[in-house]
Amino acid sequence: MENVTLSEIKRTPELLKQVESVPFKLEKGKRYLFVGCGSSYNLGYIAAEMLNKNGYEADVVTGGKIVALGDFPEADVAFFISRTGESTETVLAAKALKKRGIYTISIVCAKDAELSKTCEENIELPFADEESVVMTGSFSTILYMILRGIKRYSIDGIEGFLGKSFEYVDRLELKKFSHFVFLGFDELYGLAKESALKVQEMALQWVEFHEPLDYRHGPKATLTEKTLVVMYSKDTAYEVELAKELKQMGAGVVYIGKEGDIEIPYQDGFETPVRILPVQYLAYKKAVSLGLNPDKPKNLTKSVKL
C-alpha cells in the first residue's frame, strides 16, 4: 500500500487545477502581511517576495514572533496561513493583529477551524486537506492560489514534469548522501528553506539552505562526497558555474532550471508551486531508503498546539 504522503504529493496537479476556480484578489496600494509557522511561514516568505517584486507591498513574520516578542509589522491586511487552522501561535497572532485594527483573513484547508473562527474573512480549501503530518500538496495549492492573485495564469504540463522529475530522483543514489544543501535566490531562497525542512522532517537528515553564491563564503567548508546540493536556479551563468565547481569538489549536484538535471525554466517565480515537487519526492524517497515512515515523522504532529 502506498504511503499517504506519496499519494498527497502525486495528487498535486489535480489540486492546482481545482484551486484555479477559487476567487482570490490582491490590490495594489494595500500593505499585506503573511503570518504562518513552519511550512506555512516558508509559503508566506515566497508569497511576500513575489508580491514585492510585482508592485505590491508585503511582509512576512512567524506567528511565534508576534506572540513571543510582540512584533507587529505595519499592515492593512494580514493573511494567516495554516493547513489545519489550529496552530496556536497563528491563532494567537490573528487575535493580536485583529485588536490592532488590521483586517484578518485565514487561509486553511480544514473546515470550522479555530483560525477561521478568529479571522474576519476566511478562505477554506477543504479539497487540499491532508492526512499526512508533513505539508506537501497543500503547500503548492495555497501558494498557487496566492500567485494567481498577482496575475491570472496556468501552469501547463505538470503531469509530464512530475513523471520526468520523479524518474530522475529514482535514479539518484540517495543512500550515499547524508548532508543536503538547498540553494536559491529571492523566492527560490524560500523554496530552498522549505525543501530543507521536508528532508529534515521526513528523512531526519542534516540540511542547510543558502543563497547560491553565498554558499562559497563559509558553508562549503563542510561539503563532502556525502553532500547532495540542490540548486534552484534562475538560469544565471554564475549559478551554472557554481554547480560545476561543487561537482568538481566531489558533491552530488541536482540542478533544477533551464536545461538542468530537472528541467524547468525560470518564469519569474510563478513556477514555484511546481518546482518544489521533485524535492518533496526526494525527501520521501530518502526517508524510505532509511526504513523510516514518512507518514509518521519523529516528534511531529499535524498541528502544534501550546
C-alpha atoms as a PDB file:
ATOM      1  CA  MET A   1       0.000   0.000   0.000  1.00  0.00           C
ATOM      2  CA  GLU A   2       1.321   3.440  -0.969  1.00  0.00           C
ATOM      3  CA  ASN A   3       2.214   5.882   1.799  1.00  0.00           C
ATOM      4  CA  VAL A   4      -0.312   8.664   2.322  1.00  0.00           C
ATOM      5  CA  THR A   5       2.477  11.236   1.949  1.00  0.00           C
ATOM      6  CA  LEU A   6       3.397   9.964  -1.517  1.00  0.00           C
ATOM      7  CA  SER A   7      -0.238   9.906  -2.612  1.00  0.00           C
ATOM      8  CA  GLU A   8      -0.641  13.505  -1.497  1.00  0.00           C
ATOM      9  CA  ILE A   9       2.441  14.612  -3.431  1.00  0.00           C
ATOM     10  CA  LYS A  10       1.234  12.840  -6.579  1.00  0.00           C
ATOM     11  CA  ARG A  11      -2.235  14.420  -6.496  1.00  0.00           C
ATOM     12  CA  THR A  12      -0.827  17.987  -6.602  1.00  0.00           C
ATOM     13  CA  PRO A  13      -1.594  18.542 -10.337  1.00  0.00           C
ATOM     14  CA  GLU A  14      -5.262  17.830  -9.604  1.00  0.00           C
ATOM     15  CA  LEU A  15      -5.247  20.237  -6.636  1.00  0.00           C
ATOM     16  CA  LEU A  16      -3.743  23.046  -8.726  1.00  0.00           C
ATOM     17  CA  LYS A  17      -6.496  22.663 -11.301  1.00  0.00           C
ATOM     18  CA  GLN A  18      -9.134  22.797  -8.578  1.00  0.00           C
ATOM     19  CA  VAL A  19      -7.764  25.910  -6.906  1.00  0.00           C
ATOM     20  CA  GLU A  20      -7.926  27.833 -10.185  1.00  0.00           C
ATOM     21  CA  SER A  21     -11.674  28.189  -9.566  1.00  0.00           C
ATOM     22  CA  VAL A  22     -11.158  29.797  -6.140  1.00  0.00           C
ATOM     23  CA  PRO A  23     -11.512  33.606  -6.283  1.00  0.00           C
ATOM     24  CA  PHE A  24      -8.541  35.423  -4.743  1.00  0.00           C
ATOM     25  CA  LYS A  25      -7.800  39.125  -5.193  1.00  0.00           C
ATOM     26  CA  LEU A  26      -4.922  41.407  -4.290  1.00  0.00           C
ATOM     27  CA  GLU A  27      -4.963  45.198  -4.564  1.00  0.00           C
ATOM     28  CA  LYS A  28      -2.005  47.481  -5.122  1.00  0.00           C
ATOM     29  CA  GLY A  29      -1.737  50.246  -2.559  1.00  0.00           C
ATOM     30  CA  LYS A  30      -2.532  47.956   0.369  1.00  0.00           C
ATOM     31  CA  ARG A  31       0.151  46.655   2.743  1.00  0.00           C
ATOM     32  CA  TYR A  32      -0.070  42.875   3.068  1.00  0.00           C
ATOM     33  CA  LEU A  33       1.341  40.680   5.810  1.00  0.00           C
ATOM     34  CA  PHE A  34       1.697  36.902   5.694  1.00  0.00           C
ATOM     35  CA  VAL A  35       1.741  35.059   9.013  1.00  0.00           C
ATOM     36  CA  GLY A  36       2.463  31.361   9.480  1.00  0.00           C
ATOM     37  CA  CYS A  37       4.619  28.763  11.183  1.00  0.00           C
ATOM     38  CA  GLY A  38       6.905  26.114   9.667  1.00  0.00           C
ATOM     39  CA  SER A  39       5.968  25.366   6.065  1.00  0.00           C
ATOM     40  CA  SER A  40       3.233  27.998   6.205  1.00  0.00           C
ATOM     41  CA  TYR A  41       5.842  30.630   7.086  1.00  0.00           C
ATOM     42  CA  ASN A  42       8.025  29.480   4.162  1.00  0.00           C
ATOM     43  CA  LEU A  43       4.991  29.742   1.903  1.00  0.00           C
ATOM     44  CA  GLY A  44       4.362  33.268   3.174  1.00  0.00           C
ATOM     45  CA  TYR A  45       8.015  34.160   2.588  1.00  0.00           C
ATOM     46  CA  ILE A  46       7.762  33.128  -1.079  1.00  0.00           C
ATOM     47  CA  ALA A  47       4.447  34.957  -1.465  1.00  0.00           C
ATOM     48  CA  ALA A  48       5.841  38.168   0.058  1.00  0.00           C
ATOM     49  CA  GLU A  49       8.897  38.042  -2.226  1.00  0.00           C
ATOM     50  CA  MET A  50       6.648  37.609  -5.247  1.00  0.00           C
ATOM     51  CA  LEU A  51       4.280  40.420  -4.266  1.00  0.00           C
ATOM     52  CA  ASN A  52       7.116  42.856  -3.601  1.00  0.00           C
ATOM     53  CA  LYS A  53       8.743  42.334  -6.984  1.00  0.00           C
ATOM     54  CA  ASN A  54       5.392  42.713  -8.768  1.00  0.00           C
ATOM     55  CA  GLY A  55       4.479  46.149  -7.461  1.00  0.00           C
ATOM     56  CA  TYR A  56       2.761  45.207  -4.197  1.00  0.00           C
ATOM     57  CA  GLU A  57       3.896  45.854  -0.625  1.00  0.00           C
ATOM     58  CA  ALA A  58       4.230  42.763   1.555  1.00  0.00           C
ATOM     59  CA  ASP A  59       5.995  41.394   4.603  1.00  0.00           C
ATOM     60  CA  VAL A  60       6.132  38.046   6.396  1.00  0.00           C
ATOM     61  CA  VAL A  61       6.502  37.062  10.035  1.00  0.00           C
ATOM     62  CA  THR A  62       6.125  33.896  12.084  1.00  0.00           C
ATOM     63  CA  GLY A  63       3.163  33.616  14.409  1.00  0.00           C
ATOM     64  CA  GLY A  64       5.638  32.798  17.163  1.00  0.00           C
ATOM     65  CA  LYS A  65       7.477  36.113  16.777  1.00  0.00           C
ATOM     66  CA  ILE A  66       4.255  38.063  17.156  1.00  0.00           C
ATOM     67  CA  VAL A  67       3.235  36.060  20.219  1.00  0.00           C
ATOM     68  CA  ALA A  68       6.613  35.884  21.979  1.00  0.00           C
ATOM     69  CA  LEU A  69       8.092  39.283  21.122  1.00  0.00           C
ATOM     70  CA  GLY A  70       5.074  41.430  20.364  1.00  0.00           C
ATOM     71  CA  ASP A  71       6.475  42.117  16.885  1.00  0.00           C
ATOM     72  CA  PHE A  72       3.686  43.844  14.960  1.00  0.00           C
ATOM     73  CA  PRO A  73       4.664  44.784  11.377  1.00  0.00           C
ATOM     74  CA  GLU A  74       2.598  47.555   9.820  1.00  0.00           C
ATOM     75  CA  ALA A  75      -0.101  46.195   7.518  1.00  0.00           C
ATOM     76  CA  ASP A  76      -3.587  46.827   6.198  1.00  0.00           C
ATOM     77  CA  VAL A  77      -4.420  43.176   5.565  1.00  0.00           C
ATOM     78  CA  ALA A  78      -2.914  40.087   7.195  1.00  0.00           C
ATOM     79  CA  PHE A  79      -3.200  36.583   5.746  1.00  0.00           C
ATOM     80  CA  PHE A  80      -2.871  33.823   8.340  1.00  0.00           C
ATOM     81  CA  ILE A  81      -1.809  30.576   6.692  1.00  0.00           C
ATOM     82  CA  SER A  82      -2.349  27.264   8.461  1.00  0.00           C
ATOM     83  CA  ARG A  83      -3.205  23.951   6.824  1.00  0.00           C
ATOM     84  CA  THR A  84      -5.203  22.775   9.872  1.00  0.00           C
ATOM     85  CA  GLY A  85      -6.171  26.212  11.157  1.00  0.00           C
ATOM     86  CA  GLU A  86      -5.294  25.056  14.653  1.00  0.00           C
ATOM     87  CA  SER A  87      -1.661  26.163  15.173  1.00  0.00           C
ATOM     88  CA  THR A  88      -1.693  28.026  18.484  1.00  0.00           C
ATOM     89  CA  GLU A  89       0.831  30.727  17.579  1.00  0.00           C
ATOM     90  CA  THR A  90      -1.009  31.579  14.369  1.00  0.00           C
ATOM     91  CA  VAL A  91      -4.379  31.772  16.122  1.00  0.00           C
ATOM     92  CA  LEU A  92      -2.970  33.986  18.886  1.00  0.00           C
ATOM     93  CA  ALA A  93      -1.234  36.184  16.310  1.00  0.00           C
ATOM     94  CA  ALA A  94      -4.542  36.646  14.466  1.00  0.00           C
ATOM     95  CA  LYS A  95      -6.254  37.727  17.671  1.00  0.00           C
ATOM     96  CA  ALA A  96      -3.455  40.190  18.436  1.00  0.00           C
ATOM     97  CA  LEU A  97      -3.401  41.815  14.985  1.00  0.00           C
ATOM     98  CA  LYS A  98      -7.188  41.957  14.849  1.00  0.00           C
ATOM     99  CA  LYS A  99      -7.141  44.005  18.080  1.00  0.00           C
ATOM    100  CA  ARG A 100      -4.729  46.420  16.384  1.00  0.00           C
ATOM    101  CA  GLY A 101      -7.234  47.085  13.596  1.00  0.00           C
ATOM    102  CA  ILE A 102      -5.543  45.007  10.893  1.00  0.00           C
ATOM    103  CA  TYR A 103      -8.013  43.181   8.646  1.00  0.00           C
ATOM    104  CA  THR A 104      -7.518  39.449   9.154  1.00  0.00           C
ATOM    105  CA  ILE A 105      -8.006  36.682   6.578  1.00  0.00           C
ATOM    106  CA  SER A 106      -7.408  32.994   7.258  1.00  0.00           C
ATOM    107  CA  ILE A 107      -6.217  30.551   4.588  1.00  0.00           C
ATOM    108  CA  VAL A 108      -6.833  26.980   5.761  1.00  0.00           C
ATOM    109  CA  CYS A 109      -7.508  23.517   4.367  1.00  0.00           C
ATOM    110  CA  ALA A 110      -9.840  22.386   7.157  1.00  0.00           C
ATOM    111  CA  LYS A 111     -13.459  23.241   7.843  1.00  0.00           C
ATOM    112  CA  ASP A 112     -14.574  25.009  11.026  1.00  0.00           C
ATOM    113  CA  ALA A 113     -11.002  25.632  12.191  1.00  0.00           C
ATOM    114  CA  GLU A 114     -10.189  27.799  15.197  1.00  0.00           C
ATOM    115  CA  LEU A 115      -8.291  30.216  12.947  1.00  0.00           C
ATOM    116  CA  SER A 116     -11.348  30.621  10.712  1.00  0.00           C
ATOM    117  CA  LYS A 117     -13.451  31.496  13.746  1.00  0.00           C
ATOM    118  CA  THR A 118     -10.888  34.112  14.761  1.00  0.00           C
ATOM    119  CA  CYS A 119     -10.418  35.973  11.465  1.00  0.00           C
ATOM    120  CA  GLU A 120     -12.816  38.381   9.804  1.00  0.00           C
ATOM    121  CA  GLU A 121     -12.652  36.625   6.441  1.00  0.00           C
ATOM    122  CA  ASN A 122     -11.890  33.013   5.616  1.00  0.00           C
ATOM    123  CA  ILE A 123     -10.595  31.114   2.618  1.00  0.00           C
ATOM    124  CA  GLU A 124     -11.172  27.396   3.098  1.00  0.00           C
ATOM    125  CA  LEU A 125      -9.670  24.835   0.711  1.00  0.00           C
ATOM    126  CA  PRO A 126     -11.010  21.529   2.084  1.00  0.00           C
ATOM    127  CA  PHE A 127     -10.187  19.672  -1.144  1.00  0.00           C
ATOM    128  CA  ALA A 128      -6.481  20.262  -0.355  1.00  0.00           C
ATOM    129  CA  ASP A 129      -6.627  18.979   3.236  1.00  0.00           C
ATOM    130  CA  GLU A 130      -4.140  16.223   4.034  1.00  0.00           C
ATOM    131  CA  GLU A 131      -3.914  13.194   6.292  1.00  0.00           C
ATOM    132  CA  SER A 132      -0.126  13.311   6.452  1.00  0.00           C
ATOM    133  CA  VAL A 133       1.822  15.225   9.087  1.00  0.00           C
ATOM    134  CA  VAL A 134       4.206  16.759   6.532  1.00  0.00           C
ATOM    135  CA  MET A 135       2.747  19.522   4.346  1.00  0.00           C
ATOM    136  CA  THR A 136       3.142  18.740   0.630  1.00  0.00           C
ATOM    137  CA  GLY A 137       0.372  19.188  -1.954  1.00  0.00           C
ATOM    138  CA  SER A 138      -1.437  21.785   0.146  1.00  0.00           C
ATOM    139  CA  PHE A 139       1.733  23.926   0.144  1.00  0.00           C
ATOM    140  CA  SER A 140       1.713  24.167  -3.659  1.00  0.00           C
ATOM    141  CA  THR A 141      -2.057  24.676  -3.735  1.00  0.00           C
ATOM    142  CA  ILE A 142      -2.123  27.656  -1.378  1.00  0.00           C
ATOM    143  CA  LEU A 143       0.952  29.206  -2.994  1.00  0.00           C
ATOM    144  CA  TYR A 144      -0.543  28.865  -6.479  1.00  0.00           C
ATOM    145  CA  MET A 145      -3.788  30.499  -5.339  1.00  0.00           C
ATOM    146  CA  ILE A 146      -1.879  33.486  -3.923  1.00  0.00           C
ATOM    147  CA  LEU A 147       0.312  33.890  -7.010  1.00  0.00           C
ATOM    148  CA  ARG A 148      -2.785  33.872  -9.202  1.00  0.00           C
ATOM    149  CA  GLY A 149      -3.843  36.923  -7.201  1.00  0.00           C
ATOM    150  CA  ILE A 150      -0.880  38.724  -8.802  1.00  0.00           C
ATOM    151  CA  LYS A 151      -1.775  37.587 -12.319  1.00  0.00           C
ATOM    152  CA  ARG A 152      -4.163  35.051 -13.759  1.00  0.00           C
ATOM    153  CA  TYR A 153      -2.098  32.248 -15.257  1.00  0.00           C
ATOM    154  CA  SER A 154      -1.997  28.484 -15.583  1.00  0.00           C
ATOM    155  CA  ILE A 155       0.874  26.038 -15.275  1.00  0.00           C
ATOM    156  CA  ASP A 156       0.773  23.585 -18.153  1.00  0.00           C
ATOM    157  CA  GLY A 157       2.384  20.162 -18.467  1.00  0.00           C
ATOM    158  CA  ILE A 158       2.532  19.419 -14.736  1.00  0.00           C
ATOM    159  CA  GLU A 159       1.908  15.691 -15.104  1.00  0.00           C
ATOM    160  CA  GLY A 160       4.751  15.349 -17.629  1.00  0.00           C
ATOM    161  CA  PHE A 161       7.111  17.348 -15.425  1.00  0.00           C
ATOM    162  CA  LEU A 162       6.153  15.205 -12.443  1.00  0.00           C
ATOM    163  CA  GLY A 163       6.827  11.976 -14.343  1.00  0.00           C
ATOM    164  CA  LYS A 164      10.223  13.030 -15.711  1.00  0.00           C
ATOM    165  CA  SER A 165      11.443  14.597 -12.477  1.00  0.00           C
ATOM    166  CA  PHE A 166      10.365  11.614 -10.378  1.00  0.00           C
ATOM    167  CA  GLU A 167      12.191   9.290 -12.782  1.00  0.00           C
ATOM    168  CA  TYR A 168      15.318  11.397 -12.275  1.00  0.00           C
ATOM    169  CA  VAL A 169      15.004  11.214  -8.478  1.00  0.00           C
ATOM    170  CA  ASP A 170      14.523   7.443  -8.713  1.00  0.00           C
ATOM    171  CA  ARG A 171      17.938   7.194 -10.420  1.00  0.00           C
ATOM    172  CA  LEU A 172      19.758   9.091  -7.662  1.00  0.00           C
ATOM    173  CA  GLU A 173      21.825   7.013  -5.240  1.00  0.00           C
ATOM    174  CA  LEU A 174      20.237   8.665  -2.232  1.00  0.00           C
ATOM    175  CA  LYS A 175      21.632   6.155   0.250  1.00  0.00           C
ATOM    176  CA  LYS A 176      25.125   7.591  -0.113  1.00  0.00           C
ATOM    177  CA  PHE A 177      24.068  11.144   0.845  1.00  0.00           C
ATOM    178  CA  SER A 178      23.665  12.270   4.462  1.00  0.00           C
ATOM    179  CA  HIS A 179      24.065  16.034   4.010  1.00  0.00           C
ATOM    180  CA  PHE A 180      21.582  18.008   1.910  1.00  0.00           C
ATOM    181  CA  VAL A 181      22.103  21.620   0.815  1.00  0.00           C
ATOM    182  CA  PHE A 182      19.470  23.726  -0.955  1.00  0.00           C
ATOM    183  CA  LEU A 183      20.333  26.936  -2.808  1.00  0.00           C
ATOM    184  CA  GLY A 184      18.182  29.689  -4.278  1.00  0.00           C
ATOM    185  CA  PHE A 185      17.790  33.459  -4.608  1.00  0.00           C
ATOM    186  CA  ASP A 186      14.765  35.531  -3.511  1.00  0.00           C
ATOM    187  CA  GLU A 187      11.549  33.474  -3.690  1.00  0.00           C
ATOM    188  CA  LEU A 188      13.709  30.457  -4.518  1.00  0.00           C
ATOM    189  CA  TYR A 189      15.519  31.027  -1.212  1.00  0.00           C
ATOM    190  CA  GLY A 190      12.143  30.493   0.469  1.00  0.00           C
ATOM    191  CA  LEU A 191      11.744  27.351  -1.612  1.00  0.00           C
ATOM    192  CA  ALA A 192      15.222  26.203  -0.527  1.00  0.00           C
ATOM    193  CA  LYS A 193      14.231  26.711   3.110  1.00  0.00           C
ATOM    194  CA  GLU A 194      11.050  24.695   2.613  1.00  0.00           C
ATOM    195  CA  SER A 195      12.955  21.947   0.798  1.00  0.00           C
ATOM    196  CA  ALA A 196      15.430  21.650   3.653  1.00  0.00           C
ATOM    197  CA  LEU A 197      12.516  21.327   6.056  1.00  0.00           C
ATOM    198  CA  LYS A 198      10.970  18.489   4.003  1.00  0.00           C
ATOM    199  CA  VAL A 199      14.185  16.436   4.102  1.00  0.00           C
ATOM    200  CA  GLN A 200      14.629  17.205   7.795  1.00  0.00           C
ATOM    201  CA  GLU A 201      11.049  16.235   8.675  1.00  0.00           C
ATOM    202  CA  MET A 202      10.730  13.081   6.611  1.00  0.00           C
ATOM    203  CA  ALA A 203      14.286  11.730   6.495  1.00  0.00           C
ATOM    204  CA  LEU A 204      15.855  13.251   9.653  1.00  0.00           C
ATOM    205  CA  GLN A 205      18.910  14.444   7.712  1.00  0.00           C
ATOM    206  CA  TRP A 206      21.479  17.217   8.164  1.00  0.00           C
ATOM    207  CA  VAL A 207      20.209  20.048   5.991  1.00  0.00           C
ATOM    208  CA  GLU A 208      21.201  23.591   5.028  1.00  0.00           C
ATOM    209  CA  PHE A 209      19.768  26.348   2.851  1.00  0.00           C
ATOM    210  CA  HIS A 210      21.615  29.374   1.452  1.00  0.00           C
ATOM    211  CA  GLU A 211      21.712  31.838  -1.408  1.00  0.00           C
ATOM    212  CA  PRO A 212      23.726  30.216  -4.216  1.00  0.00           C
ATOM    213  CA  LEU A 213      26.781  32.462  -4.368  1.00  0.00           C
ATOM    214  CA  ASP A 214      26.840  32.930  -0.599  1.00  0.00           C
ATOM    215  CA  TYR A 215      27.487  29.201  -0.233  1.00  0.00           C
ATOM    216  CA  ARG A 216      31.138  29.857  -1.141  1.00  0.00           C
ATOM    217  CA  HIS A 217      31.513  32.215   1.831  1.00  0.00           C
ATOM    218  CA  GLY A 218      31.973  29.651   4.581  1.00  0.00           C
ATOM    219  CA  PRO A 219      29.261  26.979   4.315  1.00  0.00           C
ATOM    220  CA  LYS A 220      31.065  24.952   1.635  1.00  0.00           C
ATOM    221  CA  ALA A 221      33.705  24.069   4.263  1.00  0.00           C
ATOM    222  CA  THR A 222      31.509  21.114   5.279  1.00  0.00           C
ATOM    223  CA  LEU A 223      30.929  19.872   1.727  1.00  0.00           C
ATOM    224  CA  THR A 224      31.989  16.232   1.136  1.00  0.00           C
ATOM    225  CA  GLU A 225      31.190  13.383  -1.226  1.00  0.00           C
ATOM    226  CA  LYS A 226      28.206  12.683   1.048  1.00  0.00           C
ATOM    227  CA  THR A 227      26.713  16.109   0.265  1.00  0.00           C
ATOM    228  CA  LEU A 228      23.869  16.497  -2.209  1.00  0.00           C
ATOM    229  CA  VAL A 229      23.391  20.083  -3.369  1.00  0.00           C
ATOM    230  CA  VAL A 230      20.067  21.041  -4.935  1.00  0.00           C
ATOM    231  CA  MET A 231      20.297  24.260  -6.927  1.00  0.00           C
ATOM    232  CA  TYR A 232      17.043  26.120  -7.575  1.00  0.00           C
ATOM    233  CA  SER A 233      18.412  28.179 -10.431  1.00  0.00           C
ATOM    234  CA  LYS A 234      17.315  31.432 -12.035  1.00  0.00           C
ATOM    235  CA  ASP A 235      19.388  30.295 -15.012  1.00  0.00           C
ATOM    236  CA  THR A 236      22.266  32.723 -14.479  1.00  0.00           C
ATOM    237  CA  ALA A 237      25.802  31.983 -15.641  1.00  0.00           C
ATOM    238  CA  TYR A 238      27.004  32.404 -12.055  1.00  0.00           C
ATOM    239  CA  GLU A 239      24.771  29.583 -10.821  1.00  0.00           C
ATOM    240  CA  VAL A 240      25.834  27.291 -13.657  1.00  0.00           C
ATOM    241  CA  GLU A 241      29.479  27.920 -12.786  1.00  0.00           C
ATOM    242  CA  LEU A 242      28.842  27.251  -9.097  1.00  0.00           C
ATOM    243  CA  ALA A 243      27.170  23.929  -9.894  1.00  0.00           C
ATOM    244  CA  LYS A 244      30.229  22.878 -11.911  1.00  0.00           C
ATOM    245  CA  GLU A 245      32.559  23.944  -9.080  1.00  0.00           C
ATOM    246  CA  LEU A 246      30.662  21.947  -6.451  1.00  0.00           C
ATOM    247  CA  LYS A 247      30.671  18.853  -8.661  1.00  0.00           C
ATOM    248  CA  GLN A 248      34.444  19.186  -9.068  1.00  0.00           C
ATOM    249  CA  MET A 249      34.732  19.308  -5.281  1.00  0.00           C
ATOM    250  CA  GLY A 250      33.067  15.897  -5.081  1.00  0.00           C
ATOM    251  CA  ALA A 251      29.494  16.763  -4.123  1.00  0.00           C
ATOM    252  CA  GLY A 252      26.411  15.445  -5.822  1.00  0.00           C
ATOM    253  CA  VAL A 253      24.551  18.273  -7.563  1.00  0.00           C
ATOM    254  CA  VAL A 254      20.957  18.420  -8.781  1.00  0.00           C
ATOM    255  CA  TYR A 255      20.464  21.479 -10.975  1.00  0.00           C
ATOM    256  CA  ILE A 256      16.791  22.468 -11.258  1.00  0.00           C
ATOM    257  CA  GLY A 257      16.377  25.009 -14.030  1.00  0.00           C
ATOM    258  CA  LYS A 258      16.503  25.524 -17.774  1.00  0.00           C
ATOM    259  CA  GLU A 259      18.375  22.623 -19.377  1.00  0.00           C
ATOM    260  CA  GLY A 260      19.025  21.288 -15.874  1.00  0.00           C
ATOM    261  CA  ASP A 261      19.060  17.788 -14.432  1.00  0.00           C
ATOM    262  CA  ILE A 262      15.421  18.511 -13.681  1.00  0.00           C
ATOM    263  CA  GLU A 263      14.308  20.872 -16.406  1.00  0.00           C
ATOM    264  CA  ILE A 264      12.025  23.769 -15.563  1.00  0.00           C
ATOM    265  CA  PRO A 265      12.791  27.249 -16.929  1.00  0.00           C
ATOM    266  CA  TYR A 266      12.702  30.170 -14.520  1.00  0.00           C
ATOM    267  CA  GLN A 267       9.413  32.015 -15.077  1.00  0.00           C
ATOM    268  CA  ASP A 268       9.843  34.970 -12.717  1.00  0.00           C
ATOM    269  CA  GLY A 269       8.927  32.758  -9.764  1.00  0.00           C
ATOM    270  CA  PHE A 270       5.447  31.850 -10.952  1.00  0.00           C
ATOM    271  CA  GLU A 271       6.619  28.257 -11.445  1.00  0.00           C
ATOM    272  CA  THR A 272       7.491  27.793  -7.741  1.00  0.00           C
ATOM    273  CA  PRO A 273       4.344  25.777  -6.854  1.00  0.00           C
ATOM    274  CA  VAL A 274       5.574  23.060  -9.237  1.00  0.00           C
ATOM    275  CA  ARG A 275       9.329  23.462  -8.765  1.00  0.00           C
ATOM    276  CA  ILE A 276       9.098  22.091  -5.190  1.00  0.00           C
ATOM    277  CA  LEU A 277       7.516  18.751  -6.209  1.00  0.00           C
ATOM    278  CA  PRO A 278      10.681  16.773  -7.132  1.00  0.00           C
ATOM    279  CA  VAL A 279      12.271  17.646  -3.802  1.00  0.00           C
ATOM    280  CA  GLN A 280       9.197  16.613  -1.847  1.00  0.00           C
ATOM    281  CA  TYR A 281       9.538  13.277  -3.617  1.00  0.00           C
ATOM    282  CA  LEU A 282      13.301  13.214  -2.933  1.00  0.00           C
ATOM    283  CA  ALA A 283      12.628  13.697   0.794  1.00  0.00           C
ATOM    284  CA  TYR A 284      10.100  10.857   0.699  1.00  0.00           C
ATOM    285  CA  LYS A 285      12.497   8.534  -1.141  1.00  0.00           C
ATOM    286  CA  LYS A 286      15.360   9.296   1.249  1.00  0.00           C
ATOM    287  CA  ALA A 287      13.148   8.500   4.229  1.00  0.00           C
ATOM    288  CA  VAL A 288      12.055   5.183   2.731  1.00  0.00           C
ATOM    289  CA  SER A 289      15.671   4.274   1.904  1.00  0.00           C
ATOM    290  CA  LEU A 290      16.442   4.575   5.624  1.00  0.00           C
ATOM    291  CA  GLY A 291      13.487   2.450   6.669  1.00  0.00           C
ATOM    292  CA  LEU A 292      11.597   5.482   8.017  1.00  0.00           C
ATOM    293  CA  ASN A 293       7.863   6.025   7.639  1.00  0.00           C
ATOM    294  CA  PRO A 294       7.246   9.469   6.064  1.00  0.00           C
ATOM    295  CA  ASP A 295       3.656   9.332   7.325  1.00  0.00           C
ATOM    296  CA  LYS A 296       4.872   9.268  10.934  1.00  0.00           C
ATOM    297  CA  PRO A 297       7.853  11.628  11.267  1.00  0.00           C
ATOM    298  CA  LYS A 298       9.702  11.641  14.577  1.00  0.00           C
ATOM    299  CA  ASN A 299       8.491  14.068  17.267  1.00  0.00           C
ATOM    300  CA  LEU A 300       5.994  15.788  14.952  1.00  0.00           C
ATOM    301  CA  THR A 301       2.227  16.257  14.924  1.00  0.00           C
ATOM    302  CA  LYS A 302      -0.030  17.721  12.250  1.00  0.00           C
ATOM    303  CA  SER A 303      -0.784  20.800  14.387  1.00  0.00           C
ATOM    304  CA  VAL A 304       1.378  22.466  17.033  1.00  0.00           C
ATOM    305  CA  LYS A 305      -0.835  23.337  19.992  1.00  0.00           C
ATOM    306  CA  LEU A 306       0.648  25.063  23.026  1.00  0.00           C
END
